[in-house]
Amino acid sequence: MATQKLGLKELEQALEKNEILLIDFWAEWCGPCRMFAPTFEKVSTKHPDIAFYKVNTEDDMEMASAFGIQSIPTLAIFRDKILIYKQPGALPESSLEDVIKQVRELDMSKIKADMQAQEASAA
């Protein structure tokens, strides 16, 4: 699947219909963003089962603010509607592939159980 534009209005629907979702926060003036863009696009074609989205932080400041974006590029990854990764910096292709591999291997039932336990102890 090629990359798609994402806004705050479309976020909930994107989370509902995709098990794994990657978001690249970027801006046109950002050199590292321009360097990372072809890598993000190339990797998106290798993983048709994963949703790859781009958010231009200049055009959608509301979305950038909602995610607390302070540096770009920033990559955010959701699995099963849970934000499991958010890191600034342009990744080389091999590192992005490694992150995706790790995301696929996560034991989400354990993560969800741990989250429920934390919520219960905080109550």
PDB file of N, CA and C in Angstrom:
ATOM      1  N   MET A   1       0.857  -1.173   0.000  1.00  0.00           N
ATOM      2  CA  MET A   1       0.000   0.000   0.000  1.00  0.00           C
ATOM      3  C   MET A   1       0.902   1.234   0.000  1.00  0.00           C
ATOM      4  N   ALA A   2       0.629   2.154  -0.870  1.00  0.00           N
ATOM      5  CA  ALA A   2       1.384   3.402  -0.894  1.00  0.00           C
ATOM      6  C   ALA A   2       0.962   4.276   0.279  1.00  0.00           C
ATOM      7  N   THR A   3       1.770   5.283   0.567  1.00  0.00           N
ATOM      8  CA  THR A   3       1.454   6.168   1.680  1.00  0.00           C
ATOM      9  C   THR A   3       0.232   7.018   1.347  1.00  0.00           C
ATOM     10  N   GLN A   4      -0.470   7.414   2.403  1.00  0.00           N
ATOM     11  CA  GLN A   4      -1.673   8.220   2.281  1.00  0.00           C
ATOM     12  C   GLN A   4      -1.593   9.393   3.242  1.00  0.00           C
ATOM     13  N   LYS A   5      -2.319  10.454   2.932  1.00  0.00           N
ATOM     14  CA  LYS A   5      -2.399  11.607   3.825  1.00  0.00           C
ATOM     15  C   LYS A   5      -3.376  11.272   4.950  1.00  0.00           C
ATOM     16  N   LEU A   6      -3.089  11.760   6.150  1.00  0.00           N
ATOM     17  CA  LEU A   6      -3.938  11.487   7.311  1.00  0.00           C
ATOM     18  C   LEU A   6      -4.153  12.769   8.087  1.00  0.00           C
ATOM     19  N   GLY A   7      -5.388  12.987   8.486  1.00  0.00           N
ATOM     20  CA  GLY A   7      -5.734  14.114   9.342  1.00  0.00           C
ATOM     21  C   GLY A   7      -6.424  13.620  10.599  1.00  0.00           C
ATOM     22  N   LEU A   8      -6.606  14.502  11.547  1.00  0.00           N
ATOM     23  CA  LEU A   8      -7.218  14.137  12.824  1.00  0.00           C
ATOM     24  C   LEU A   8      -8.615  13.541  12.634  1.00  0.00           C
ATOM     25  N   LYS A   9      -9.362  14.058  11.654  1.00  0.00           N
ATOM     26  CA  LYS A   9     -10.719  13.556  11.404  1.00  0.00           C
ATOM     27  C   LYS A   9     -10.708  12.103  10.935  1.00  0.00           C
ATOM     28  N   GLU A  10      -9.675  11.722  10.181  1.00  0.00           N
ATOM     29  CA  GLU A  10      -9.600  10.367   9.633  1.00  0.00           C
ATOM     30  C   GLU A  10      -8.895   9.377  10.561  1.00  0.00           C
ATOM     31  N   LEU A  11      -8.285   9.863  11.623  1.00  0.00           N
ATOM     32  CA  LEU A  11      -7.474   9.009  12.486  1.00  0.00           C
ATOM     33  C   LEU A  11      -8.271   7.856  13.082  1.00  0.00           C
ATOM     34  N   GLU A  12      -9.427   8.123  13.652  1.00  0.00           N
ATOM     35  CA  GLU A  12     -10.205   7.062  14.311  1.00  0.00           C
ATOM     36  C   GLU A  12     -10.577   5.958  13.323  1.00  0.00           C
ATOM     37  N   GLN A  13     -11.012   6.350  12.131  1.00  0.00           N
ATOM     38  CA  GLN A  13     -11.367   5.354  11.115  1.00  0.00           C
ATOM     39  C   GLN A  13     -10.138   4.555  10.689  1.00  0.00           C
ATOM     40  N   ALA A  14      -9.005   5.227  10.543  1.00  0.00           N
ATOM     41  CA  ALA A  14      -7.766   4.539  10.161  1.00  0.00           C
ATOM     42  C   ALA A  14      -7.366   3.527  11.231  1.00  0.00           C
ATOM     43  N   LEU A  15      -7.522   3.893  12.490  1.00  0.00           N
ATOM     44  CA  LEU A  15      -7.193   2.972  13.585  1.00  0.00           C
ATOM     45  C   LEU A  15      -8.153   1.783  13.607  1.00  0.00           C
ATOM     46  N   GLU A  16      -9.423   2.043  13.302  1.00  0.00           N
ATOM     47  CA  GLU A  16     -10.423   0.974  13.306  1.00  0.00           C
ATOM     48  C   GLU A  16     -10.150  -0.076  12.234  1.00  0.00           C
ATOM     49  N   LYS A  17      -9.710   0.364  11.060  1.00  0.00           N
ATOM     50  CA  LYS A  17      -9.623  -0.588   9.952  1.00  0.00           C
ATOM     51  C   LYS A  17      -8.232  -1.159   9.709  1.00  0.00           C
ATOM     52  N   ASN A  18      -7.225  -0.758  10.494  1.00  0.00           N
ATOM     53  CA  ASN A  18      -5.860  -1.245  10.295  1.00  0.00           C
ATOM     54  C   ASN A  18      -5.286  -1.795  11.586  1.00  0.00           C
ATOM     55  N   GLU A  19      -4.778  -3.023  11.523  1.00  0.00           N
ATOM     56  CA  GLU A  19      -4.137  -3.619  12.704  1.00  0.00           C
ATOM     57  C   GLU A  19      -2.846  -2.873  13.034  1.00  0.00           C
ATOM     58  N   ILE A  20      -2.055  -2.581  11.997  1.00  0.00           N
ATOM     59  CA  ILE A  20      -0.802  -1.842  12.181  1.00  0.00           C
ATOM     60  C   ILE A  20      -0.854  -0.590  11.322  1.00  0.00           C
ATOM     61  N   LEU A  21      -0.491   0.526  11.925  1.00  0.00           N
ATOM     62  CA  LEU A  21      -0.569   1.815  11.259  1.00  0.00           C
ATOM     63  C   LEU A  21       0.694   2.613  11.579  1.00  0.00           C
ATOM     64  N   LEU A  22       1.383   3.074  10.551  1.00  0.00           N
ATOM     65  CA  LEU A  22       2.568   3.912  10.718  1.00  0.00           C
ATOM     66  C   LEU A  22       2.248   5.326  10.259  1.00  0.00           C
ATOM     67  N   ILE A  23       2.681   6.314  11.015  1.00  0.00           N
ATOM     68  CA  ILE A  23       2.469   7.714  10.663  1.00  0.00           C
ATOM     69  C   ILE A  23       3.811   8.436  10.650  1.00  0.00           C
ATOM     70  N   ASP A  24       4.104   9.061   9.526  1.00  0.00           N
ATOM     71  CA  ASP A  24       5.306   9.876   9.363  1.00  0.00           C
ATOM     72  C   ASP A  24       4.893  11.337   9.480  1.00  0.00           C
ATOM     73  N   PHE A  25       5.341  12.003  10.547  1.00  0.00           N
ATOM     74  CA  PHE A  25       5.104  13.436  10.719  1.00  0.00           C
ATOM     75  C   PHE A  25       6.278  14.169  10.081  1.00  0.00           C
ATOM     76  N   TRP A  26       6.005  15.096   9.157  1.00  0.00           N
ATOM     77  CA  TRP A  26       7.047  15.725   8.367  1.00  0.00           C
ATOM     78  C   TRP A  26       6.659  17.156   7.993  1.00  0.00           C
ATOM     79  N   ALA A  27       7.578  17.862   7.339  1.00  0.00           N
ATOM     80  CA  ALA A  27       7.318  19.193   6.760  1.00  0.00           C
ATOM     81  C   ALA A  27       8.205  19.348   5.527  1.00  0.00           C
ATOM     82  N   GLU A  28       7.728  20.125   4.568  1.00  0.00           N
ATOM     83  CA  GLU A  28       8.461  20.307   3.309  1.00  0.00           C
ATOM     84  C   GLU A  28       9.842  20.920   3.510  1.00  0.00           C
ATOM     85  N   TRP A  29       9.994  21.817   4.472  1.00  0.00           N
ATOM     86  CA  TRP A  29      11.260  22.524   4.674  1.00  0.00           C
ATOM     87  C   TRP A  29      12.303  21.684   5.401  1.00  0.00           C
ATOM     88  N   CYS A  30      11.913  20.517   5.878  1.00  0.00           N
ATOM     89  CA  CYS A  30      12.773  19.684   6.731  1.00  0.00           C
ATOM     90  C   CYS A  30      13.634  18.749   5.881  1.00  0.00           C
ATOM     91  N   GLY A  31      14.942  18.968   5.896  1.00  0.00           N
ATOM     92  CA  GLY A  31      15.873  18.134   5.137  1.00  0.00           C
ATOM     93  C   GLY A  31      15.814  16.666   5.502  1.00  0.00           C
ATOM     94  N   PRO A  32      15.914  16.316   6.798  1.00  0.00           N
ATOM     95  CA  PRO A  32      15.812  14.906   7.173  1.00  0.00           C
ATOM     96  C   PRO A  32      14.468  14.281   6.768  1.00  0.00           C
ATOM     97  N   CYS A  33      13.395  15.075   6.769  1.00  0.00           N
ATOM     98  CA  CYS A  33      12.083  14.572   6.337  1.00  0.00           C
ATOM     99  C   CYS A  33      12.130  14.193   4.864  1.00  0.00           C
ATOM    100  N   ARG A  34      12.740  15.059   4.062  1.00  0.00           N
ATOM    101  CA  ARG A  34      12.847  14.787   2.624  1.00  0.00           C
ATOM    102  C   ARG A  34      13.729  13.562   2.367  1.00  0.00           C
ATOM    103  N   MET A  35      14.734  13.345   3.225  1.00  0.00           N
ATOM    104  CA  MET A  35      15.588  12.160   3.084  1.00  0.00           C
ATOM    105  C   MET A  35      14.830  10.879   3.478  1.00  0.00           C
ATOM    106  N   PHE A  36      13.971  10.973   4.485  1.00  0.00           N
ATOM    107  CA  PHE A  36      13.240   9.805   4.978  1.00  0.00           C
ATOM    108  C   PHE A  36      12.052   9.441   4.078  1.00  0.00           C
ATOM    109  N   ALA A  37      11.476  10.406   3.393  1.00  0.00           N
ATOM    110  CA  ALA A  37      10.261  10.185   2.593  1.00  0.00           C
ATOM    111  C   ALA A  37      10.393   9.031   1.594  1.00  0.00           C
ATOM    112  N   PRO A  38      11.471   8.955   0.787  1.00  0.00           N
ATOM    113  CA  PRO A  38      11.573   7.831  -0.150  1.00  0.00           C
ATOM    114  C   PRO A  38      11.696   6.473   0.547  1.00  0.00           C
ATOM    115  N   THR A  39      12.354   6.456   1.685  1.00  0.00           N
ATOM    116  CA  THR A  39      12.476   5.213   2.461  1.00  0.00           C
ATOM    117  C   THR A  39      11.107   4.768   2.944  1.00  0.00           C
ATOM    118  N   PHE A  40      10.349   5.701   3.515  1.00  0.00           N
ATOM    119  CA  PHE A  40       9.006   5.400   4.028  1.00  0.00           C
ATOM    120  C   PHE A  40       8.120   4.882   2.892  1.00  0.00           C
ATOM    121  N   GLU A  41       8.191   5.543   1.746  1.00  0.00           N
ATOM    122  CA  GLU A  41       7.389   5.136   0.581  1.00  0.00           C
ATOM    123  C   GLU A  41       7.805   3.747   0.098  1.00  0.00           C
ATOM    124  N   LYS A  42       9.107   3.506  -0.017  1.00  0.00           N
ATOM    125  CA  LYS A  42       9.604   2.211  -0.489  1.00  0.00           C
ATOM    126  C   LYS A  42       9.175   1.078   0.443  1.00  0.00           C
ATOM    127  N   VAL A  43       9.339   1.283   1.727  1.00  0.00           N
ATOM    128  CA  VAL A  43       8.974   0.247   2.695  1.00  0.00           C
ATOM    129  C   VAL A  43       7.459   0.008   2.669  1.00  0.00           C
ATOM    130  N   SER A  44       6.673   1.051   2.417  1.00  0.00           N
ATOM    131  CA  SER A  44       5.216   0.892   2.367  1.00  0.00           C
ATOM    132  C   SER A  44       4.805  -0.087   1.270  1.00  0.00           C
ATOM    133  N   THR A  45       5.554  -0.122   0.172  1.00  0.00           N
ATOM    134  CA  THR A  45       5.205  -1.030  -0.931  1.00  0.00           C
ATOM    135  C   THR A  45       5.535  -2.477  -0.598  1.00  0.00           C
ATOM    136  N   LYS A  46       6.413  -2.692   0.376  1.00  0.00           N
ATOM    137  CA  LYS A  46       6.798  -4.051   0.777  1.00  0.00           C
ATOM    138  C   LYS A  46       5.839  -4.654   1.803  1.00  0.00           C
ATOM    139  N   HIS A  47       4.976  -3.829   2.371  1.00  0.00           N
ATOM    140  CA  HIS A  47       4.080  -4.287   3.444  1.00  0.00           C
ATOM    141  C   HIS A  47       2.640  -3.860   3.134  1.00  0.00           C
ATOM    142  N   PRO A  48       1.994  -4.517   2.172  1.00  0.00           N
ATOM    143  CA  PRO A  48       0.641  -4.103   1.786  1.00  0.00           C
ATOM    144  C   PRO A  48      -0.410  -4.291   2.884  1.00  0.00           C
ATOM    145  N   ASP A  49      -0.089  -5.066   3.906  1.00  0.00           N
ATOM    146  CA  ASP A  49      -1.024  -5.298   5.004  1.00  0.00           C
ATOM    147  C   ASP A  49      -0.929  -4.232   6.099  1.00  0.00           C
ATOM    148  N   ILE A  50       0.001  -3.305   5.952  1.00  0.00           N
ATOM    149  CA  ILE A  50       0.197  -2.241   6.944  1.00  0.00           C
ATOM    150  C   ILE A  50      -0.203  -0.910   6.313  1.00  0.00           C
ATOM    151  N   ALA A  51      -0.838  -0.046   7.100  1.00  0.00           N
ATOM    152  CA  ALA A  51      -1.223   1.280   6.620  1.00  0.00           C
ATOM    153  C   ALA A  51      -0.093   2.270   6.903  1.00  0.00           C
ATOM    154  N   PHE A  52       0.344   2.965   5.876  1.00  0.00           N
ATOM    155  CA  PHE A  52       1.398   3.973   5.986  1.00  0.00           C
ATOM    156  C   PHE A  52       0.780   5.338   5.692  1.00  0.00           C
ATOM    157  N   TYR A  53       0.840   6.233   6.678  1.00  0.00           N
ATOM    158  CA  TYR A  53       0.254   7.562   6.534  1.00  0.00           C
ATOM    159  C   TYR A  53       1.316   8.637   6.738  1.00  0.00           C
ATOM    160  N   LYS A  54       1.052   9.802   6.126  1.00  0.00           N
ATOM    161  CA  LYS A  54       1.934  10.952   6.274  1.00  0.00           C
ATOM    162  C   LYS A  54       1.111  12.124   6.786  1.00  0.00           C
ATOM    163  N   VAL A  55       1.702  12.895   7.696  1.00  0.00           N
ATOM    164  CA  VAL A  55       1.054  14.095   8.217  1.00  0.00           C
ATOM    165  C   VAL A  55       2.030  15.249   8.049  1.00  0.00           C
ATOM    166  N   ASN A  56       1.661  16.213   7.222  1.00  0.00           N
ATOM    167  CA  ASN A  56       2.453  17.429   7.054  1.00  0.00           C
ATOM    168  C   ASN A  56       2.148  18.323   8.253  1.00  0.00           C
ATOM    169  N   THR A  57       3.120  18.509   9.116  1.00  0.00           N
ATOM    170  CA  THR A  57       2.900  19.249  10.364  1.00  0.00           C
ATOM    171  C   THR A  57       2.593  20.727  10.122  1.00  0.00           C
ATOM    172  N   GLU A  58       2.966  21.248   8.968  1.00  0.00           N
ATOM    173  CA  GLU A  58       2.654  22.641   8.625  1.00  0.00           C
ATOM    174  C   GLU A  58       1.187  22.777   8.213  1.00  0.00           C
ATOM    175  N   ASP A  59       0.668  21.776   7.521  1.00  0.00           N
ATOM    176  CA  ASP A  59      -0.714  21.812   7.047  1.00  0.00           C
ATOM    177  C   ASP A  59      -1.698  21.350   8.105  1.00  0.00           C
ATOM    178  N   ASP A  60      -1.262  20.514   9.020  1.00  0.00           N
ATOM    179  CA  ASP A  60      -2.158  19.953  10.032  1.00  0.00           C
ATOM    180  C   ASP A  60      -1.533  20.096  11.419  1.00  0.00           C
ATOM    181  N   MET A  61      -1.488  21.325  11.885  1.00  0.00           N
ATOM    182  CA  MET A  61      -0.908  21.599  13.207  1.00  0.00           C
ATOM    183  C   MET A  61      -1.713  20.966  14.330  1.00  0.00           C
ATOM    184  N   GLU A  62      -3.022  20.801  14.106  1.00  0.00           N
ATOM    185  CA  GLU A  62      -3.878  20.183  15.118  1.00  0.00           C
ATOM    186  C   GLU A  62      -3.456  18.731  15.362  1.00  0.00           C
ATOM    187  N   MET A  63      -3.188  18.016  14.290  1.00  0.00           N
ATOM    188  CA  MET A  63      -2.750  16.617  14.406  1.00  0.00           C
ATOM    189  C   MET A  63      -1.369  16.558  15.070  1.00  0.00           C
ATOM    190  N   ALA A  64      -0.458  17.416  14.643  1.00  0.00           N
ATOM    191  CA  ALA A  64       0.880  17.446  15.237  1.00  0.00           C
ATOM    192  C   ALA A  64       0.794  17.755  16.729  1.00  0.00           C
ATOM    193  N   SER A  65      -0.066  18.679  17.083  1.00  0.00           N
ATOM    194  CA  SER A  65      -0.235  19.045  18.484  1.00  0.00           C
ATOM    195  C   SER A  65      -0.835  17.891  19.288  1.00  0.00           C
ATOM    196  N   ALA A  66      -1.815  17.211  18.709  1.00  0.00           N
ATOM    197  CA  ALA A  66      -2.459  16.085  19.399  1.00  0.00           C
ATOM    198  C   ALA A  66      -1.453  14.988  19.727  1.00  0.00           C
ATOM    199  N   PHE A  67      -0.434  14.849  18.887  1.00  0.00           N
ATOM    200  CA  PHE A  67       0.593  13.827  19.106  1.00  0.00           C
ATOM    201  C   PHE A  67       1.807  14.381  19.845  1.00  0.00           C
ATOM    202  N   GLY A  68       1.801  15.666  20.174  1.00  0.00           N
ATOM    203  CA  GLY A  68       2.924  16.259  20.901  1.00  0.00           C
ATOM    204  C   GLY A  68       4.206  16.255  20.090  1.00  0.00           C
ATOM    205  N   ILE A  69       4.100  16.466  18.800  1.00  0.00           N
ATOM    206  CA  ILE A  69       5.268  16.446  17.924  1.00  0.00           C
ATOM    207  C   ILE A  69       6.115  17.697  18.176  1.00  0.00           C
ATOM    208  N   GLN A  70       7.369  17.493  18.523  1.00  0.00           N
ATOM    209  CA  GLN A  70       8.289  18.601  18.773  1.00  0.00           C
ATOM    210  C   GLN A  70       9.468  18.584  17.811  1.00  0.00           C
ATOM    211  N   SER A  71       9.775  17.430  17.240  1.00  0.00           N
ATOM    212  CA  SER A  71      10.863  17.280  16.274  1.00  0.00           C
ATOM    213  C   SER A  71      10.338  16.480  15.089  1.00  0.00           C
ATOM    214  N   ILE A  72      10.857  16.817  13.911  1.00  0.00           N
ATOM    215  CA  ILE A  72      10.477  16.057  12.732  1.00  0.00           C
ATOM    216  C   ILE A  72      11.718  15.662  11.963  1.00  0.00           C
ATOM    217  N   PRO A  73      11.662  14.556  11.250  1.00  0.00           N
ATOM    218  CA  PRO A  73      10.516  13.663  11.171  1.00  0.00           C
ATOM    219  C   PRO A  73      10.312  12.885  12.471  1.00  0.00           C
ATOM    220  N   THR A  74       9.073  12.554  12.736  1.00  0.00           N
ATOM    221  CA  THR A  74       8.741  11.663  13.852  1.00  0.00           C
ATOM    222  C   THR A  74       7.887  10.539  13.300  1.00  0.00           C
ATOM    223  N   LEU A  75       8.216   9.324  13.708  1.00  0.00           N
ATOM    224  CA  LEU A  75       7.462   8.150  13.304  1.00  0.00           C
ATOM    225  C   LEU A  75       6.639   7.666  14.497  1.00  0.00           C
ATOM    226  N   ALA A  76       5.336   7.513  14.265  1.00  0.00           N
ATOM    227  CA  ALA A  76       4.441   6.956  15.279  1.00  0.00           C
ATOM    228  C   ALA A  76       3.866   5.656  14.725  1.00  0.00           C
ATOM    229  N   ILE A  77       3.779   4.639  15.581  1.00  0.00           N
ATOM    230  CA  ILE A  77       3.250   3.345  15.146  1.00  0.00           C
ATOM    231  C   ILE A  77       2.177   2.886  16.129  1.00  0.00           C
ATOM    232  N   PHE A  78       1.040   2.480  15.573  1.00  0.00           N
ATOM    233  CA  PHE A  78      -0.047   1.896  16.342  1.00  0.00           C
ATOM    234  C   PHE A  78      -0.179   0.430  15.972  1.00  0.00           C
ATOM    235  N   ARG A  79      -0.515  -0.368  16.962  1.00  0.00           N
ATOM    236  CA  ARG A  79      -0.930  -1.751  16.713  1.00  0.00           C
ATOM    237  C   ARG A  79      -2.146  -2.011  17.581  1.00  0.00           C
ATOM    238  N   ASP A  80      -3.195  -2.519  16.966  1.00  0.00           N
ATOM    239  CA  ASP A  80      -4.460  -2.769  17.673  1.00  0.00           C
ATOM    240  C   ASP A  80      -4.936  -1.520  18.414  1.00  0.00           C
ATOM    241  N   LYS A  81      -4.834  -0.371  17.754  1.00  0.00           N
ATOM    242  CA  LYS A  81      -5.291   0.938  18.267  1.00  0.00           C
ATOM    243  C   LYS A  81      -4.467   1.445  19.442  1.00  0.00           C
ATOM    244  N   ILE A  82      -3.327   0.838  19.720  1.00  0.00           N
ATOM    245  CA  ILE A  82      -2.468   1.257  20.832  1.00  0.00           C
ATOM    246  C   ILE A  82      -1.196   1.871  20.257  1.00  0.00           C
ATOM    247  N   LEU A  83      -0.879   3.070  20.706  1.00  0.00           N
ATOM    248  CA  LEU A  83       0.369   3.707  20.291  1.00  0.00           C
ATOM    249  C   LEU A  83       1.512   2.981  20.987  1.00  0.00           C
ATOM    250  N   ILE A  84       2.333   2.304  20.187  1.00  0.00           N
ATOM    251  CA  ILE A  84       3.400   1.493  20.776  1.00  0.00           C
ATOM    252  C   ILE A  84       4.790   2.040  20.473  1.00  0.00           C
ATOM    253  N   TYR A  85       4.864   3.041  19.597  1.00  0.00           N
ATOM    254  CA  TYR A  85       6.176   3.580  19.220  1.00  0.00           C
ATOM    255  C   TYR A  85       5.981   5.016  18.752  1.00  0.00           C
ATOM    256  N   LYS A  86       6.806   5.913  19.259  1.00  0.00           N
ATOM    257  CA  LYS A  86       6.845   7.293  18.762  1.00  0.00           C
ATOM    258  C   LYS A  86       8.258   7.802  18.980  1.00  0.00           C
ATOM    259  N   GLN A  87       8.939   8.042  17.870  1.00  0.00           N
ATOM    260  CA  GLN A  87      10.357   8.404  17.961  1.00  0.00           C
ATOM    261  C   GLN A  87      10.702   9.391  16.847  1.00  0.00           C
ATOM    262  N   PRO A  88      11.386  10.499  17.210  1.00  0.00           N
ATOM    263  CA  PRO A  88      11.847  11.404  16.158  1.00  0.00           C
ATOM    264  C   PRO A  88      13.114  10.872  15.492  1.00  0.00           C
ATOM    265  N   GLY A  89      13.338  11.321  14.263  1.00  0.00           N
ATOM    266  CA  GLY A  89      14.547  10.956  13.544  1.00  0.00           C
ATOM    267  C   GLY A  89      14.251  10.158  12.295  1.00  0.00           C
ATOM    268  N   ALA A  90      15.056  10.372  11.281  1.00  0.00           N
ATOM    269  CA  ALA A  90      14.921   9.640  10.019  1.00  0.00           C
ATOM    270  C   ALA A  90      15.625   8.291  10.154  1.00  0.00           C
ATOM    271  N   LEU A  91      14.898   7.232   9.902  1.00  0.00           N
ATOM    272  CA  LEU A  91      15.464   5.888  10.001  1.00  0.00           C
ATOM    273  C   LEU A  91      15.949   5.423   8.629  1.00  0.00           C
ATOM    274  N   PRO A  92      17.071   4.711   8.589  1.00  0.00           N
ATOM    275  CA  PRO A  92      17.446   4.051   7.339  1.00  0.00           C
ATOM    276  C   PRO A  92      16.479   2.885   7.088  1.00  0.00           C
ATOM    277  N   GLU A  93      16.432   2.425   5.861  1.00  0.00           N
ATOM    278  CA  GLU A  93      15.488   1.368   5.488  1.00  0.00           C
ATOM    279  C   GLU A  93      15.614   0.136   6.381  1.00  0.00           C
ATOM    280  N   SER A  94      16.836  -0.304   6.655  1.00  0.00           N
ATOM    281  CA  SER A  94      17.025  -1.512   7.468  1.00  0.00           C
ATOM    282  C   SER A  94      16.460  -1.328   8.881  1.00  0.00           C
ATOM    283  N   SER A  95      16.616  -0.146   9.445  1.00  0.00           N
ATOM    284  CA  SER A  95      16.087   0.108  10.790  1.00  0.00           C
ATOM    285  C   SER A  95      14.563   0.161  10.792  1.00  0.00           C
ATOM    286  N   LEU A  96      13.987   0.777   9.753  1.00  0.00           N
ATOM    287  CA  LEU A  96      12.528   0.816   9.656  1.00  0.00           C
ATOM    288  C   LEU A  96      11.975  -0.606   9.499  1.00  0.00           C
ATOM    289  N   GLU A  97      12.615  -1.411   8.686  1.00  0.00           N
ATOM    290  CA  GLU A  97      12.198  -2.806   8.528  1.00  0.00           C
ATOM    291  C   GLU A  97      12.302  -3.560   9.857  1.00  0.00           C
ATOM    292  N   ASP A  98      13.358  -3.288  10.630  1.00  0.00           N
ATOM    293  CA  ASP A  98      13.541  -3.943  11.922  1.00  0.00           C
ATOM    294  C   ASP A  98      12.441  -3.538  12.901  1.00  0.00           C
ATOM    295  N   VAL A  99      12.092  -2.262  12.915  1.00  0.00           N
ATOM    296  CA  VAL A  99      11.017  -1.791  13.795  1.00  0.00           C
ATOM    297  C   VAL A  99       9.704  -2.477  13.419  1.00  0.00           C
ATOM    298  N   ILE A 100       9.420  -2.564  12.126  1.00  0.00           N
ATOM    299  CA  ILE A 100       8.199  -3.223  11.677  1.00  0.00           C
ATOM    300  C   ILE A 100       8.199  -4.694  12.099  1.00  0.00           C
ATOM    301  N   LYS A 101       9.325  -5.361  11.960  1.00  0.00           N
ATOM    302  CA  LYS A 101       9.436  -6.768  12.388  1.00  0.00           C
ATOM    303  C   LYS A 101       9.131  -6.898  13.882  1.00  0.00           C
ATOM    304  N   GLN A 102       9.677  -5.994  14.687  1.00  0.00           N
ATOM    305  CA  GLN A 102       9.428  -6.036  16.129  1.00  0.00           C
ATOM    306  C   GLN A 102       7.961  -5.778  16.448  1.00  0.00           C
ATOM    307  N   VAL A 103       7.348  -4.846  15.730  1.00  0.00           N
ATOM    308  CA  VAL A 103       5.929  -4.549  15.940  1.00  0.00           C
ATOM    309  C   VAL A 103       5.081  -5.777  15.633  1.00  0.00           C
ATOM    310  N   ARG A 104       5.405  -6.460  14.543  1.00  0.00           N
ATOM    311  CA  ARG A 104       4.659  -7.667  14.162  1.00  0.00           C
ATOM    312  C   ARG A 104       4.794  -8.765  15.228  1.00  0.00           C
ATOM    313  N   GLU A 105       5.943  -8.838  15.888  1.00  0.00           N
ATOM    314  CA  GLU A 105       6.217  -9.909  16.853  1.00  0.00           C
ATOM    315  C   GLU A 105       5.696  -9.627  18.260  1.00  0.00           C
ATOM    316  N   LEU A 106       5.173  -8.444  18.491  1.00  0.00           N
ATOM    317  CA  LEU A 106       4.680  -8.109  19.824  1.00  0.00           C
ATOM    318  C   LEU A 106       3.550  -9.036  20.250  1.00  0.00           C
ATOM    319  N   ASP A 107       3.550  -9.389  21.522  1.00  0.00           N
ATOM    320  CA  ASP A 107       2.461 -10.167  22.105  1.00  0.00           C
ATOM    321  C   ASP A 107       1.425  -9.169  22.613  1.00  0.00           C
ATOM    322  N   MET A 108       0.463  -8.854  21.757  1.00  0.00           N
ATOM    323  CA  MET A 108      -0.503  -7.808  22.098  1.00  0.00           C
ATOM    324  C   MET A 108      -1.426  -8.211  23.240  1.00  0.00           C
ATOM    325  N   SER A 109      -1.698  -9.490  23.400  1.00  0.00           N
ATOM    326  CA  SER A 109      -2.541  -9.898  24.528  1.00  0.00           C
ATOM    327  C   SER A 109      -1.831  -9.607  25.850  1.00  0.00           C
ATOM    328  N   LYS A 110      -0.523  -9.800  25.891  1.00  0.00           N
ATOM    329  CA  LYS A 110       0.245  -9.478  27.100  1.00  0.00           C
ATOM    330  C   LYS A 110       0.272  -7.970  27.326  1.00  0.00           C
ATOM    331  N   ILE A 111       0.479  -7.204  26.270  1.00  0.00           N
ATOM    332  CA  ILE A 111       0.508  -5.739  26.392  1.00  0.00           C
ATOM    333  C   ILE A 111      -0.834  -5.229  26.903  1.00  0.00           C
ATOM    334  N   LYS A 112      -1.928  -5.746  26.347  1.00  0.00           N
ATOM    335  CA  LYS A 112      -3.262  -5.315  26.792  1.00  0.00           C
ATOM    336  C   LYS A 112      -3.517  -5.715  28.240  1.00  0.00           C
ATOM    337  N   ALA A 113      -3.074  -6.911  28.625  1.00  0.00           N
ATOM    338  CA  ALA A 113      -3.245  -7.358  30.015  1.00  0.00           C
ATOM    339  C   ALA A 113      -2.443  -6.461  30.963  1.00  0.00           C
ATOM    340  N   ASP A 114      -1.204  -6.123  30.563  1.00  0.00           N
ATOM    341  CA  ASP A 114      -0.378  -5.233  31.380  1.00  0.00           C
ATOM    342  C   ASP A 114      -1.027  -3.856  31.518  1.00  0.00           C
ATOM    343  N   MET A 115      -1.609  -3.358  30.434  1.00  0.00           N
ATOM    344  CA  MET A 115      -2.272  -2.059  30.483  1.00  0.00           C
ATOM    345  C   MET A 115      -3.473  -2.095  31.417  1.00  0.00           C
ATOM    346  N   GLN A 116      -4.265  -3.175  31.358  1.00  0.00           N
ATOM    347  CA  GLN A 116      -5.409  -3.314  32.249  1.00  0.00           C
ATOM    348  C   GLN A 116      -4.965  -3.400  33.695  1.00  0.00           C
ATOM    349  N   ALA A 117      -3.884  -4.100  33.946  1.00  0.00           N
ATOM    350  CA  ALA A 117      -3.360  -4.212  35.322  1.00  0.00           C
ATOM    351  C   ALA A 117      -2.906  -2.851  35.842  1.00  0.00           C
ATOM    352  N   GLN A 118      -2.244  -2.069  34.996  1.00  0.00           N
ATOM    353  CA  GLN A 118      -1.804  -0.730  35.400  1.00  0.00           C
ATOM    354  C   GLN A 118      -3.004   0.165  35.689  1.00  0.00           C
ATOM    355  N   GLU A 119      -4.033   0.085  34.835  1.00  0.00           N
ATOM    356  CA  GLU A 119      -5.230   0.903  35.046  1.00  0.00           C
ATOM    357  C   GLU A 119      -5.923   0.501  36.351  1.00  0.00           C
ATOM    358  N   ALA A 120      -5.975  -0.791  36.636  1.00  0.00           N
ATOM    359  CA  ALA A 120      -6.624  -1.276  37.842  1.00  0.00           C
ATOM    360  C   ALA A 120      -5.871  -0.826  39.092  1.00  0.00           C
ATOM    361  N   SER A 121      -4.554  -0.852  39.031  1.00  0.00           N
ATOM    362  CA  SER A 121      -3.777  -0.444  40.203  1.00  0.00           C
ATOM    363  C   SER A 121      -3.801   1.070  40.402  1.00  0.00           C
ATOM    364  N   ALA A 122      -4.057   1.819  39.339  1.00  0.00           N
ATOM    365  CA  ALA A 122      -4.112   3.275  39.453  1.00  0.00           C
ATOM    366  C   ALA A 122      -5.453   3.742  39.996  1.00  0.00           C
ATOM    367  N   ALA A 123      -6.466   2.871  39.898  1.00  0.00           N
ATOM    368  CA  ALA A 123      -7.817   3.241  40.335  1.00  0.00           C
ATOM    369  C   ALA A 123      -7.977   3.169  41.831  1.00  0.00           C
TER     370      ALA A 123
END
